[in-house]
């Protein structure tokens, strides 16, 4: 494998890992942070009759996870085009 090909592969993998870490950080913040750690601070707000912390623990983390799946797929398609990769 040539040096330029290796550099391209490293850059692609680095961008992929950066995207994964960002998505995991968002997911952990929403599910663990808002649902558990910050729940006492979010109890004053309500959504649908439940306090905001409970809503994040039960529904918000699921909605966020589904949105992150679509976001990851969209970003990976852009990344694949940028690096000239095809399925």
N, C-alpha and C. Protein backbone atom coordinates (compact mmCIF):
# COMPACT_ATOMS: atom_id res chain seq x y z
N UNK A 1 0.85 -1.18 0.00
CA UNK A 1 0.00 0.00 0.00
C UNK A 1 0.89 1.24 0.00
N UNK A 2 0.52 2.23 -0.76
CA UNK A 2 1.33 3.44 -0.85
C UNK A 2 1.13 4.31 0.37
N UNK A 3 2.06 5.25 0.56
CA UNK A 3 1.98 6.15 1.71
C UNK A 3 0.76 7.05 1.65
N UNK A 4 0.41 7.51 0.45
CA UNK A 4 -0.77 8.38 0.33
C UNK A 4 -2.05 7.61 0.64
N UNK A 5 -2.10 6.35 0.25
CA UNK A 5 -3.27 5.52 0.55
C UNK A 5 -3.38 5.28 2.05
N UNK A 6 -2.25 5.03 2.69
CA UNK A 6 -2.25 4.84 4.15
C UNK A 6 -2.67 6.12 4.87
N UNK A 7 -2.18 7.24 4.40
CA UNK A 7 -2.55 8.53 5.01
C UNK A 7 -4.05 8.79 4.84
N UNK A 8 -4.58 8.46 3.67
CA UNK A 8 -6.01 8.62 3.43
C UNK A 8 -6.82 7.71 4.34
N UNK A 9 -6.37 6.46 4.47
CA UNK A 9 -7.06 5.52 5.35
C UNK A 9 -7.03 5.99 6.81
N UNK A 10 -5.88 6.50 7.24
CA UNK A 10 -5.77 7.01 8.62
C UNK A 10 -6.68 8.21 8.82
N UNK A 11 -6.73 9.11 7.86
CA UNK A 11 -7.59 10.29 7.96
C UNK A 11 -9.06 9.89 8.00
N UNK A 12 -9.44 8.93 7.18
CA UNK A 12 -10.82 8.44 7.17
C UNK A 12 -11.17 7.81 8.51
N UNK A 13 -10.29 6.96 9.02
CA UNK A 13 -10.55 6.29 10.29
C UNK A 13 -10.58 7.29 11.44
N UNK A 14 -9.72 8.27 11.39
CA UNK A 14 -9.71 9.31 12.42
C UNK A 14 -11.01 10.10 12.42
N UNK A 15 -11.49 10.46 11.24
CA UNK A 15 -12.76 11.19 11.14
C UNK A 15 -13.92 10.33 11.61
N UNK A 16 -13.88 9.04 11.28
CA UNK A 16 -14.92 8.11 11.72
C UNK A 16 -14.93 7.99 13.25
N UNK A 17 -13.76 7.82 13.85
CA UNK A 17 -13.68 7.72 15.31
C UNK A 17 -14.13 9.00 15.99
N UNK A 18 -13.78 10.15 15.42
CA UNK A 18 -14.22 11.43 15.98
C UNK A 18 -15.74 11.51 15.98
N UNK A 19 -16.36 11.09 14.90
CA UNK A 19 -17.82 11.10 14.80
C UNK A 19 -18.45 10.15 15.81
N UNK A 20 -17.87 8.98 15.97
CA UNK A 20 -18.38 8.01 16.94
C UNK A 20 -18.29 8.56 18.36
N UNK A 21 -17.16 9.16 18.70
CA UNK A 21 -16.98 9.72 20.05
C UNK A 21 -17.97 10.85 20.31
N UNK A 22 -18.19 11.69 19.32
CA UNK A 22 -19.16 12.79 19.49
C UNK A 22 -20.56 12.23 19.72
N UNK A 23 -20.96 11.25 18.92
CA UNK A 23 -22.29 10.65 19.08
C UNK A 23 -22.43 9.97 20.44
N UNK A 24 -21.42 9.24 20.86
CA UNK A 24 -21.48 8.57 22.16
C UNK A 24 -21.51 9.58 23.31
N UNK A 25 -20.78 10.69 23.18
CA UNK A 25 -20.79 11.71 24.22
C UNK A 25 -22.17 12.36 24.33
N UNK A 26 -22.79 12.64 23.21
CA UNK A 26 -24.15 13.21 23.23
C UNK A 26 -25.12 12.22 23.86
N UNK A 27 -25.04 10.96 23.43
CA UNK A 27 -25.95 9.95 23.96
C UNK A 27 -25.76 9.76 25.46
N UNK A 28 -24.51 9.71 25.94
CA UNK A 28 -24.25 9.53 27.36
C UNK A 28 -24.72 10.73 28.16
N UNK A 29 -24.52 11.92 27.62
CA UNK A 29 -24.97 13.13 28.32
C UNK A 29 -26.48 13.14 28.47
N UNK A 30 -27.17 12.80 27.41
CA UNK A 30 -28.64 12.82 27.46
C UNK A 30 -29.17 11.71 28.34
N UNK A 31 -28.69 10.48 28.16
CA UNK A 31 -29.26 9.36 28.91
C UNK A 31 -28.79 9.32 30.36
N UNK A 32 -27.50 9.42 30.57
CA UNK A 32 -26.98 9.32 31.94
C UNK A 32 -27.01 10.67 32.65
N UNK A 33 -26.57 11.71 31.95
CA UNK A 33 -26.50 13.02 32.58
C UNK A 33 -27.87 13.60 32.89
N UNK A 34 -28.70 13.75 31.86
CA UNK A 34 -30.03 14.34 32.07
C UNK A 34 -30.98 13.40 32.78
N UNK A 35 -30.88 12.12 32.52
CA UNK A 35 -31.80 11.16 33.11
C UNK A 35 -31.50 10.80 34.55
N UNK A 36 -30.23 10.88 34.96
CA UNK A 36 -29.87 10.45 36.31
C UNK A 36 -29.18 11.55 37.12
N UNK A 37 -28.08 12.06 36.61
CA UNK A 37 -27.29 13.02 37.40
C UNK A 37 -27.98 14.36 37.58
N UNK A 38 -28.59 14.86 36.53
CA UNK A 38 -29.23 16.18 36.59
C UNK A 38 -30.72 16.11 36.88
N UNK A 39 -31.24 14.94 37.17
CA UNK A 39 -32.68 14.82 37.40
C UNK A 39 -33.18 15.71 38.52
N UNK A 40 -32.49 15.82 39.66
CA UNK A 40 -33.02 16.72 40.70
C UNK A 40 -33.15 18.17 40.24
N UNK A 41 -32.27 18.60 39.36
CA UNK A 41 -32.33 19.98 38.86
C UNK A 41 -33.40 20.16 37.79
N UNK A 42 -33.78 19.08 37.14
CA UNK A 42 -34.77 19.16 36.06
C UNK A 42 -36.19 18.87 36.53
N UNK A 43 -36.38 18.60 37.82
CA UNK A 43 -37.70 18.24 38.33
C UNK A 43 -38.69 19.40 38.27
N UNK A 44 -38.20 20.62 38.22
CA UNK A 44 -39.08 21.78 38.18
C UNK A 44 -39.77 21.97 36.84
N UNK A 45 -39.27 21.33 35.81
CA UNK A 45 -39.86 21.45 34.47
C UNK A 45 -40.63 20.18 34.16
N UNK A 46 -41.72 20.31 33.42
CA UNK A 46 -42.49 19.11 33.09
C UNK A 46 -42.80 19.04 31.61
N UNK A 47 -42.87 17.81 31.13
CA UNK A 47 -43.27 17.51 29.76
C UNK A 47 -44.29 16.39 29.82
N UNK A 48 -45.47 16.64 29.33
CA UNK A 48 -46.51 15.61 29.31
C UNK A 48 -46.89 15.10 30.69
N UNK A 49 -46.81 15.92 31.71
CA UNK A 49 -47.20 15.51 33.05
C UNK A 49 -46.09 14.86 33.86
N UNK A 50 -44.93 14.67 33.28
CA UNK A 50 -43.80 14.08 34.00
C UNK A 50 -42.68 15.12 34.09
N UNK A 51 -41.88 14.99 35.14
CA UNK A 51 -40.77 15.94 35.23
C UNK A 51 -39.75 15.68 34.12
N UNK A 52 -39.00 16.70 33.78
CA UNK A 52 -38.11 16.65 32.63
C UNK A 52 -37.03 15.57 32.78
N UNK A 53 -36.50 15.38 33.99
CA UNK A 53 -35.50 14.34 34.21
C UNK A 53 -36.05 12.95 33.95
N UNK A 54 -37.26 12.69 34.41
CA UNK A 54 -37.90 11.40 34.16
C UNK A 54 -38.17 11.23 32.68
N UNK A 55 -38.61 12.31 32.02
CA UNK A 55 -38.88 12.23 30.58
C UNK A 55 -37.61 11.88 29.82
N UNK A 56 -36.48 12.51 30.18
CA UNK A 56 -35.21 12.18 29.51
C UNK A 56 -34.84 10.73 29.76
N UNK A 57 -35.06 10.24 30.96
CA UNK A 57 -34.69 8.86 31.28
C UNK A 57 -35.57 7.87 30.52
N UNK A 58 -36.83 8.18 30.32
CA UNK A 58 -37.76 7.24 29.70
C UNK A 58 -37.92 7.44 28.19
N UNK A 59 -38.01 8.67 27.74
CA UNK A 59 -38.31 8.93 26.33
C UNK A 59 -37.20 9.70 25.62
N UNK A 60 -36.68 10.72 26.26
CA UNK A 60 -35.71 11.60 25.63
C UNK A 60 -34.45 10.89 25.15
N UNK A 61 -33.97 9.95 25.94
CA UNK A 61 -32.75 9.24 25.54
C UNK A 61 -33.03 8.35 24.32
N UNK A 62 -34.22 7.80 24.23
CA UNK A 62 -34.58 6.96 23.07
C UNK A 62 -34.69 7.83 21.82
N UNK A 63 -35.38 8.97 21.93
CA UNK A 63 -35.50 9.87 20.79
C UNK A 63 -34.13 10.36 20.35
N UNK A 64 -33.30 10.70 21.31
CA UNK A 64 -31.96 11.16 20.98
C UNK A 64 -31.16 10.07 20.28
N UNK A 65 -31.27 8.84 20.77
CA UNK A 65 -30.55 7.72 20.17
C UNK A 65 -30.98 7.50 18.72
N UNK A 66 -32.27 7.55 18.45
CA UNK A 66 -32.78 7.38 17.08
C UNK A 66 -32.29 8.52 16.19
N UNK A 67 -32.32 9.74 16.70
CA UNK A 67 -31.82 10.88 15.92
C UNK A 67 -30.32 10.74 15.66
N UNK A 68 -29.57 10.23 16.63
CA UNK A 68 -28.14 10.03 16.44
C UNK A 68 -27.84 8.96 15.39
N UNK A 69 -28.70 7.96 15.28
CA UNK A 69 -28.52 6.95 14.23
C UNK A 69 -28.62 7.59 12.85
N UNK A 70 -29.65 8.41 12.65
CA UNK A 70 -29.81 9.09 11.37
C UNK A 70 -28.69 10.10 11.13
N UNK A 71 -28.29 10.81 12.18
CA UNK A 71 -27.19 11.77 12.06
C UNK A 71 -25.89 11.05 11.68
N UNK A 72 -25.61 9.92 12.31
CA UNK A 72 -24.39 9.16 12.01
C UNK A 72 -24.41 8.66 10.56
N UNK A 73 -25.52 8.13 10.11
CA UNK A 73 -25.62 7.65 8.73
C UNK A 73 -25.43 8.78 7.74
N UNK A 74 -26.03 9.93 8.01
CA UNK A 74 -25.89 11.09 7.14
C UNK A 74 -24.44 11.55 7.07
N UNK A 75 -23.79 11.65 8.25
CA UNK A 75 -22.41 12.10 8.30
C UNK A 75 -21.45 11.09 7.65
N UNK A 76 -21.73 9.81 7.83
CA UNK A 76 -20.87 8.79 7.22
C UNK A 76 -21.00 8.80 5.70
N UNK A 77 -22.20 9.06 5.18
CA UNK A 77 -22.36 9.19 3.73
C UNK A 77 -21.55 10.37 3.20
N UNK A 78 -21.57 11.49 3.94
CA UNK A 78 -20.76 12.64 3.54
C UNK A 78 -19.28 12.30 3.61
N UNK A 79 -18.87 11.59 4.65
CA UNK A 79 -17.48 11.21 4.82
C UNK A 79 -17.03 10.26 3.72
N UNK A 80 -17.88 9.31 3.37
CA UNK A 80 -17.56 8.38 2.28
C UNK A 80 -17.37 9.11 0.96
N UNK A 81 -18.24 10.09 0.68
CA UNK A 81 -18.10 10.87 -0.55
C UNK A 81 -16.83 11.69 -0.54
N UNK A 82 -16.51 12.26 0.63
CA UNK A 82 -15.31 13.07 0.74
C UNK A 82 -14.06 12.26 0.44
N UNK A 83 -14.02 11.02 0.90
CA UNK A 83 -12.84 10.18 0.69
C UNK A 83 -12.97 9.28 -0.54
N UNK A 84 -14.03 9.44 -1.30
CA UNK A 84 -14.19 8.70 -2.55
C UNK A 84 -14.46 7.20 -2.37
N UNK A 85 -15.16 6.85 -1.30
CA UNK A 85 -15.48 5.45 -1.03
C UNK A 85 -16.88 5.15 -1.49
N UNK A 86 -17.09 3.95 -1.98
CA UNK A 86 -18.41 3.50 -2.42
C UNK A 86 -18.73 2.21 -1.73
N UNK A 87 -20.01 1.89 -1.66
CA UNK A 87 -20.43 0.65 -1.00
C UNK A 87 -20.08 -0.55 -1.83
